[in-house]
Amino acid sequence: MGKHPKFDKLDRYFEKGKDFQLTDAQYEKMTGIPLPKDGQYTMKKSSLAKHATKNGYYVAEVQEKTVYFKKK
């Protein structure tokens, strides 16, 4: 089993209440682990998707090494 991401640095984006996006490099710098390679997994089942849902967001799209978050 791999390392678990640390989402505390991402929470500031969720707290703003606006849609946002992160590149894979930003994600890795903030969480300490690389973005999952499978876009569908990232959107639906990843710990990132679960954390986004917990904060009132969803992963709308994963495209060209960028993750797009939308407020529910």
PDB file of N, CA and C in Angstrom:
ATOM      1  N   MET A   1       0.847  -1.183   0.000  1.00  0.00           N
ATOM      2  CA  MET A   1       0.000   0.000   0.000  1.00  0.00           C
ATOM      3  C   MET A   1       0.888   1.240   0.000  1.00  0.00           C
ATOM      4  N   GLY A   2       0.523   2.237  -0.796  1.00  0.00           N
ATOM      5  CA  GLY A   2       1.321   3.450  -0.943  1.00  0.00           C
ATOM      6  C   GLY A   2       1.096   4.443   0.185  1.00  0.00           C
ATOM      7  N   LYS A   3       1.817   5.530   0.079  1.00  0.00           N
ATOM      8  CA  LYS A   3       1.665   6.613   1.051  1.00  0.00           C
ATOM      9  C   LYS A   3       0.302   7.272   0.889  1.00  0.00           C
ATOM     10  N   HIS A   4      -0.176   7.833   1.966  1.00  0.00           N
ATOM     11  CA  HIS A   4      -1.446   8.556   1.939  1.00  0.00           C
ATOM     12  C   HIS A   4      -1.175  10.044   1.735  1.00  0.00           C
ATOM     13  N   PRO A   5      -2.009  10.711   0.934  1.00  0.00           N
ATOM     14  CA  PRO A   5      -1.812  12.142   0.705  1.00  0.00           C
ATOM     15  C   PRO A   5      -2.174  12.952   1.944  1.00  0.00           C
ATOM     16  N   LYS A   6      -1.508  14.073   2.085  1.00  0.00           N
ATOM     17  CA  LYS A   6      -1.811  15.017   3.166  1.00  0.00           C
ATOM     18  C   LYS A   6      -2.558  16.181   2.537  1.00  0.00           C
ATOM     19  N   PHE A   7      -3.841  16.290   2.851  1.00  0.00           N
ATOM     20  CA  PHE A   7      -4.705  17.267   2.203  1.00  0.00           C
ATOM     21  C   PHE A   7      -4.781  18.616   2.909  1.00  0.00           C
ATOM     22  N   ASP A   8      -4.099  18.801   4.019  1.00  0.00           N
ATOM     23  CA  ASP A   8      -4.235  20.047   4.770  1.00  0.00           C
ATOM     24  C   ASP A   8      -3.900  21.287   3.940  1.00  0.00           C
ATOM     25  N   LYS A   9      -2.939  21.204   3.020  1.00  0.00           N
ATOM     26  CA  LYS A   9      -2.592  22.362   2.189  1.00  0.00           C
ATOM     27  C   LYS A   9      -3.620  22.604   1.081  1.00  0.00           C
ATOM     28  N   LEU A  10      -4.405  21.593   0.738  1.00  0.00           N
ATOM     29  CA  LEU A  10      -5.456  21.763  -0.271  1.00  0.00           C
ATOM     30  C   LEU A  10      -6.718  22.396   0.323  1.00  0.00           C
ATOM     31  N   ASP A  11      -6.891  22.260   1.621  1.00  0.00           N
ATOM     32  CA  ASP A  11      -8.123  22.722   2.252  1.00  0.00           C
ATOM     33  C   ASP A  11      -8.368  24.213   2.047  1.00  0.00           C
ATOM     34  N   ARG A  12      -7.311  24.999   1.894  1.00  0.00           N
ATOM     35  CA  ARG A  12      -7.510  26.445   1.679  1.00  0.00           C
ATOM     36  C   ARG A  12      -8.265  26.706   0.378  1.00  0.00           C
ATOM     37  N   TYR A  13      -8.073  25.858  -0.624  1.00  0.00           N
ATOM     38  CA  TYR A  13      -8.803  26.001  -1.885  1.00  0.00           C
ATOM     39  C   TYR A  13     -10.275  25.649  -1.697  1.00  0.00           C
ATOM     40  N   PHE A  14     -10.543  24.583  -0.960  1.00  0.00           N
ATOM     41  CA  PHE A  14     -11.922  24.187  -0.707  1.00  0.00           C
ATOM     42  C   PHE A  14     -12.648  25.240   0.122  1.00  0.00           C
ATOM     43  N   GLU A  15     -11.961  25.858   1.043  1.00  0.00           N
ATOM     44  CA  GLU A  15     -12.576  26.848   1.922  1.00  0.00           C
ATOM     45  C   GLU A  15     -12.994  28.118   1.188  1.00  0.00           C
ATOM     46  N   LYS A  16     -12.391  28.404   0.047  1.00  0.00           N
ATOM     47  CA  LYS A  16     -12.741  29.605  -0.715  1.00  0.00           C
ATOM     48  C   LYS A  16     -14.124  29.501  -1.343  1.00  0.00           C
ATOM     49  N   GLY A  17     -14.599  28.269  -1.585  1.00  0.00           N
ATOM     50  CA  GLY A  17     -15.931  28.074  -2.132  1.00  0.00           C
ATOM     51  C   GLY A  17     -16.048  28.360  -3.618  1.00  0.00           C
ATOM     52  N   LYS A  18     -14.919  28.373  -4.335  1.00  0.00           N
ATOM     53  CA  LYS A  18     -14.932  28.629  -5.772  1.00  0.00           C
ATOM     54  C   LYS A  18     -14.325  27.445  -6.512  1.00  0.00           C
ATOM     55  N   ASP A  19     -14.738  27.262  -7.766  1.00  0.00           N
ATOM     56  CA  ASP A  19     -14.139  26.225  -8.600  1.00  0.00           C
ATOM     57  C   ASP A  19     -12.648  26.518  -8.747  1.00  0.00           C
ATOM     58  N   PHE A  20     -11.841  25.449  -8.843  1.00  0.00           N
ATOM     59  CA  PHE A  20     -10.407  25.633  -9.009  1.00  0.00           C
ATOM     60  C   PHE A  20      -9.801  24.443  -9.724  1.00  0.00           C
ATOM     61  N   GLN A  21      -8.544  24.571 -10.075  1.00  0.00           N
ATOM     62  CA  GLN A  21      -7.822  23.494 -10.744  1.00  0.00           C
ATOM     63  C   GLN A  21      -6.418  23.397 -10.180  1.00  0.00           C
ATOM     64  N   LEU A  22      -5.851  22.203 -10.275  1.00  0.00           N
ATOM     65  CA  LEU A  22      -4.491  21.941  -9.829  1.00  0.00           C
ATOM     66  C   LEU A  22      -3.759  21.126 -10.883  1.00  0.00           C
ATOM     67  N   THR A  23      -2.513  21.455 -11.110  1.00  0.00           N
ATOM     68  CA  THR A  23      -1.692  20.621 -11.988  1.00  0.00           C
ATOM     69  C   THR A  23      -1.169  19.454 -11.175  1.00  0.00           C
ATOM     70  N   ASP A  24      -0.657  18.447 -11.862  1.00  0.00           N
ATOM     71  CA  ASP A  24      -0.092  17.309 -11.140  1.00  0.00           C
ATOM     72  C   ASP A  24       1.094  17.734 -10.292  1.00  0.00           C
ATOM     73  N   ALA A  25       1.888  18.700 -10.750  1.00  0.00           N
ATOM     74  CA  ALA A  25       3.040  19.178  -9.972  1.00  0.00           C
ATOM     75  C   ALA A  25       2.587  19.890  -8.701  1.00  0.00           C
ATOM     76  N   GLN A  26       1.540  20.720  -8.798  1.00  0.00           N
ATOM     77  CA  GLN A  26       1.001  21.393  -7.616  1.00  0.00           C
ATOM     78  C   GLN A  26       0.466  20.374  -6.615  1.00  0.00           C
ATOM     79  N   TYR A  27      -0.276  19.403  -7.131  1.00  0.00           N
ATOM     80  CA  TYR A  27      -0.856  18.376  -6.270  1.00  0.00           C
ATOM     81  C   TYR A  27       0.243  17.632  -5.508  1.00  0.00           C
ATOM     82  N   GLU A  28       1.276  17.223  -6.220  1.00  0.00           N
ATOM     83  CA  GLU A  28       2.356  16.471  -5.572  1.00  0.00           C
ATOM     84  C   GLU A  28       3.087  17.319  -4.545  1.00  0.00           C
ATOM     85  N   LYS A  29       3.306  18.578  -4.850  1.00  0.00           N
ATOM     86  CA  LYS A  29       3.989  19.472  -3.910  1.00  0.00           C
ATOM     87  C   LYS A  29       3.168  19.658  -2.627  1.00  0.00           C
ATOM     88  N   MET A  30       1.850  19.763  -2.775  1.00  0.00           N
ATOM     89  CA  MET A  30       0.982  20.015  -1.622  1.00  0.00           C
ATOM     90  C   MET A  30       0.677  18.768  -0.809  1.00  0.00           C
ATOM     91  N   THR A  31       0.567  17.616  -1.465  1.00  0.00           N
ATOM     92  CA  THR A  31       0.128  16.408  -0.760  1.00  0.00           C
ATOM     93  C   THR A  31       1.256  15.436  -0.439  1.00  0.00           C
ATOM     94  N   GLY A  32       2.378  15.566  -1.151  1.00  0.00           N
ATOM     95  CA  GLY A  32       3.505  14.669  -0.902  1.00  0.00           C
ATOM     96  C   GLY A  32       3.490  13.399  -1.731  1.00  0.00           C
ATOM     97  N   ILE A  33       2.462  13.203  -2.551  1.00  0.00           N
ATOM     98  CA  ILE A  33       2.415  12.024  -3.425  1.00  0.00           C
ATOM     99  C   ILE A  33       1.966  12.453  -4.826  1.00  0.00           C
ATOM    100  N   PRO A  34       2.297  11.667  -5.845  1.00  0.00           N
ATOM    101  CA  PRO A  34       1.858  12.023  -7.204  1.00  0.00           C
ATOM    102  C   PRO A  34       0.364  11.804  -7.397  1.00  0.00           C
ATOM    103  N   LEU A  35      -0.177  12.521  -8.350  1.00  0.00           N
ATOM    104  CA  LEU A  35      -1.572  12.371  -8.741  1.00  0.00           C
ATOM    105  C   LEU A  35      -1.763  10.969  -9.318  1.00  0.00           C
ATOM    106  N   PRO A  36      -2.872  10.288  -9.003  1.00  0.00           N
ATOM    107  CA  PRO A  36      -3.112   8.971  -9.607  1.00  0.00           C
ATOM    108  C   PRO A  36      -3.111   9.065 -11.134  1.00  0.00           C
ATOM    109  N   LYS A  37      -2.591   8.035 -11.784  1.00  0.00           N
ATOM    110  CA  LYS A  37      -2.466   8.044 -13.245  1.00  0.00           C
ATOM    111  C   LYS A  37      -3.799   7.830 -13.965  1.00  0.00           C
ATOM    112  N   ASP A  38      -4.695   7.089 -13.377  1.00  0.00           N
ATOM    113  CA  ASP A  38      -5.986   6.782 -13.995  1.00  0.00           C
ATOM    114  C   ASP A  38      -6.981   7.914 -13.705  1.00  0.00           C
ATOM    115  N   GLY A  39      -7.367   8.623 -14.755  1.00  0.00           N
ATOM    116  CA  GLY A  39      -8.282   9.759 -14.606  1.00  0.00           C
ATOM    117  C   GLY A  39      -9.632   9.388 -14.036  1.00  0.00           C
ATOM    118  N   GLN A  40     -10.198   8.254 -14.472  1.00  0.00           N
ATOM    119  CA  GLN A  40     -11.506   7.825 -13.955  1.00  0.00           C
ATOM    120  C   GLN A  40     -11.420   7.486 -12.468  1.00  0.00           C
ATOM    121  N   TYR A  41     -10.351   6.831 -12.083  1.00  0.00           N
ATOM    122  CA  TYR A  41     -10.138   6.522 -10.665  1.00  0.00           C
ATOM    123  C   TYR A  41     -10.037   7.821  -9.867  1.00  0.00           C
ATOM    124  N   THR A  42      -9.257   8.764 -10.383  1.00  0.00           N
ATOM    125  CA  THR A  42      -9.080  10.048  -9.700  1.00  0.00           C
ATOM    126  C   THR A  42     -10.419  10.745  -9.506  1.00  0.00           C
ATOM    127  N   MET A  43     -11.278  10.677 -10.506  1.00  0.00           N
ATOM    128  CA  MET A  43     -12.567  11.366 -10.440  1.00  0.00           C
ATOM    129  C   MET A  43     -13.572  10.688  -9.518  1.00  0.00           C
ATOM    130  N   LYS A  44     -13.536   9.376  -9.426  1.00  0.00           N
ATOM    131  CA  LYS A  44     -14.612   8.646  -8.735  1.00  0.00           C
ATOM    132  C   LYS A  44     -14.233   8.013  -7.397  1.00  0.00           C
ATOM    133  N   LYS A  45     -13.069   7.364  -7.326  1.00  0.00           N
ATOM    134  CA  LYS A  45     -12.786   6.515  -6.165  1.00  0.00           C
ATOM    135  C   LYS A  45     -11.560   6.894  -5.358  1.00  0.00           C
ATOM    136  N   SER A  46     -10.773   7.839  -5.821  1.00  0.00           N
ATOM    137  CA  SER A  46      -9.526   8.179  -5.137  1.00  0.00           C
ATOM    138  C   SER A  46      -9.799   8.873  -3.807  1.00  0.00           C
ATOM    139  N   SER A  47      -8.796   8.911  -2.975  1.00  0.00           N
ATOM    140  CA  SER A  47      -8.931   9.644  -1.713  1.00  0.00           C
ATOM    141  C   SER A  47      -9.123  11.128  -1.995  1.00  0.00           C
ATOM    142  N   LEU A  48      -8.587  11.614  -3.095  1.00  0.00           N
ATOM    143  CA  LEU A  48      -8.801  13.007  -3.500  1.00  0.00           C
ATOM    144  C   LEU A  48     -10.274  13.257  -3.791  1.00  0.00           C
ATOM    145  N   ALA A  49     -10.919  12.362  -4.533  1.00  0.00           N
ATOM    146  CA  ALA A  49     -12.348  12.495  -4.836  1.00  0.00           C
ATOM    147  C   ALA A  49     -13.170  12.464  -3.553  1.00  0.00           C
ATOM    148  N   LYS A  50     -12.822  11.596  -2.643  1.00  0.00           N
ATOM    149  CA  LYS A  50     -13.549  11.490  -1.367  1.00  0.00           C
ATOM    150  C   LYS A  50     -13.367  12.748  -0.527  1.00  0.00           C
ATOM    151  N   HIS A  51     -12.147  13.279  -0.519  1.00  0.00           N
ATOM    152  CA  HIS A  51     -11.880  14.499   0.248  1.00  0.00           C
ATOM    153  C   HIS A  51     -12.635  15.678  -0.366  1.00  0.00           C
ATOM    154  N   ALA A  52     -12.664  15.748  -1.697  1.00  0.00           N
ATOM    155  CA  ALA A  52     -13.404  16.814  -2.369  1.00  0.00           C
ATOM    156  C   ALA A  52     -14.886  16.743  -2.007  1.00  0.00           C
ATOM    157  N   THR A  53     -15.467  15.552  -2.045  1.00  0.00           N
ATOM    158  CA  THR A  53     -16.877  15.362  -1.708  1.00  0.00           C
ATOM    159  C   THR A  53     -17.157  15.801  -0.274  1.00  0.00           C
ATOM    160  N   LYS A  54     -16.269  15.440   0.622  1.00  0.00           N
ATOM    161  CA  LYS A  54     -16.413  15.821   2.026  1.00  0.00           C
ATOM    162  C   LYS A  54     -16.454  17.342   2.195  1.00  0.00           C
ATOM    163  N   ASN A  55     -15.807  18.051   1.262  1.00  0.00           N
ATOM    164  CA  ASN A  55     -15.734  19.506   1.330  1.00  0.00           C
ATOM    165  C   ASN A  55     -16.723  20.214   0.404  1.00  0.00           C
ATOM    166  N   GLY A  56     -17.691  19.460  -0.151  1.00  0.00           N
ATOM    167  CA  GLY A  56     -18.718  20.064  -0.979  1.00  0.00           C
ATOM    168  C   GLY A  56     -18.314  20.278  -2.427  1.00  0.00           C
ATOM    169  N   TYR A  57     -17.332  19.532  -2.894  1.00  0.00           N
ATOM    170  CA  TYR A  57     -16.845  19.633  -4.271  1.00  0.00           C
ATOM    171  C   TYR A  57     -16.906  18.265  -4.931  1.00  0.00           C
ATOM    172  N   TYR A  58     -16.618  18.253  -6.228  1.00  0.00           N
ATOM    173  CA  TYR A  58     -16.393  17.006  -6.941  1.00  0.00           C
ATOM    174  C   TYR A  58     -15.296  17.233  -7.966  1.00  0.00           C
ATOM    175  N   VAL A  59     -14.628  16.158  -8.347  1.00  0.00           N
ATOM    176  CA  VAL A  59     -13.609  16.237  -9.381  1.00  0.00           C
ATOM    177  C   VAL A  59     -14.359  16.179 -10.706  1.00  0.00           C
ATOM    178  N   ALA A  60     -14.421  17.305 -11.393  1.00  0.00           N
ATOM    179  CA  ALA A  60     -15.212  17.415 -12.614  1.00  0.00           C
ATOM    180  C   ALA A  60     -14.502  16.806 -13.810  1.00  0.00           C
ATOM    181  N   GLU A  61     -13.179  16.928 -13.829  1.00  0.00           N
ATOM    182  CA  GLU A  61     -12.437  16.477 -14.998  1.00  0.00           C
ATOM    183  C   GLU A  61     -10.969  16.316 -14.645  1.00  0.00           C
ATOM    184  N   VAL A  62     -10.327  15.377 -15.308  1.00  0.00           N
ATOM    185  CA  VAL A  62      -8.877  15.214 -15.231  1.00  0.00           C
ATOM    186  C   VAL A  62      -8.398  15.225 -16.676  1.00  0.00           C
ATOM    187  N   GLN A  63      -7.584  16.237 -16.997  1.00  0.00           N
ATOM    188  CA  GLN A  63      -7.183  16.407 -18.386  1.00  0.00           C
ATOM    189  C   GLN A  63      -5.780  16.992 -18.456  1.00  0.00           C
ATOM    190  N   GLU A  64      -4.936  16.377 -19.271  1.00  0.00           N
ATOM    191  CA  GLU A  64      -3.585  16.901 -19.505  1.00  0.00           C
ATOM    192  C   GLU A  64      -2.848  17.217 -18.200  1.00  0.00           C
ATOM    193  N   LYS A  65      -2.858  16.296 -17.282  1.00  0.00           N
ATOM    194  CA  LYS A  65      -2.160  16.437 -16.003  1.00  0.00           C
ATOM    195  C   LYS A  65      -2.705  17.568 -15.138  1.00  0.00           C
ATOM    196  N   THR A  66      -3.980  17.899 -15.310  1.00  0.00           N
ATOM    197  CA  THR A  66      -4.643  18.918 -14.505  1.00  0.00           C
ATOM    198  C   THR A  66      -5.963  18.356 -13.997  1.00  0.00           C
ATOM    199  N   VAL A  67      -6.248  18.627 -12.727  1.00  0.00           N
ATOM    200  CA  VAL A  67      -7.493  18.196 -12.095  1.00  0.00           C
ATOM    201  C   VAL A  67      -8.365  19.430 -11.890  1.00  0.00           C
ATOM    202  N   TYR A  68      -9.617  19.339 -12.323  1.00  0.00           N
ATOM    203  CA  TYR A  68     -10.572  20.435 -12.212  1.00  0.00           C
ATOM    204  C   TYR A  68     -11.620  20.104 -11.154  1.00  0.00           C
ATOM    205  N   PHE A  69     -11.779  20.999 -10.200  1.00  0.00           N
ATOM    206  CA  PHE A  69     -12.740  20.825  -9.111  1.00  0.00           C
ATOM    207  C   PHE A  69     -13.889  21.797  -9.291  1.00  0.00           C
ATOM    208  N   LYS A  70     -15.105  21.304  -9.044  1.00  0.00           N
ATOM    209  CA  LYS A  70     -16.308  22.137  -9.128  1.00  0.00           C
ATOM    210  C   LYS A  70     -17.047  22.058  -7.804  1.00  0.00           C
ATOM    211  N   LYS A  71     -17.597  23.189  -7.398  1.00  0.00           N
ATOM    212  CA  LYS A  71     -18.411  23.261  -6.188  1.00  0.00           C
ATOM    213  C   LYS A  71     -19.759  22.607  -6.474  1.00  0.00           C
ATOM    214  N   LYS A  72     -20.239  21.785  -5.541  1.00  0.00           N
ATOM    215  CA  LYS A  72     -21.552  21.128  -5.718  1.00  0.00           C
ATOM    216  C   LYS A  72     -22.663  22.128  -5.532  1.00  0.00           C
TER     217      LYS A  72
END
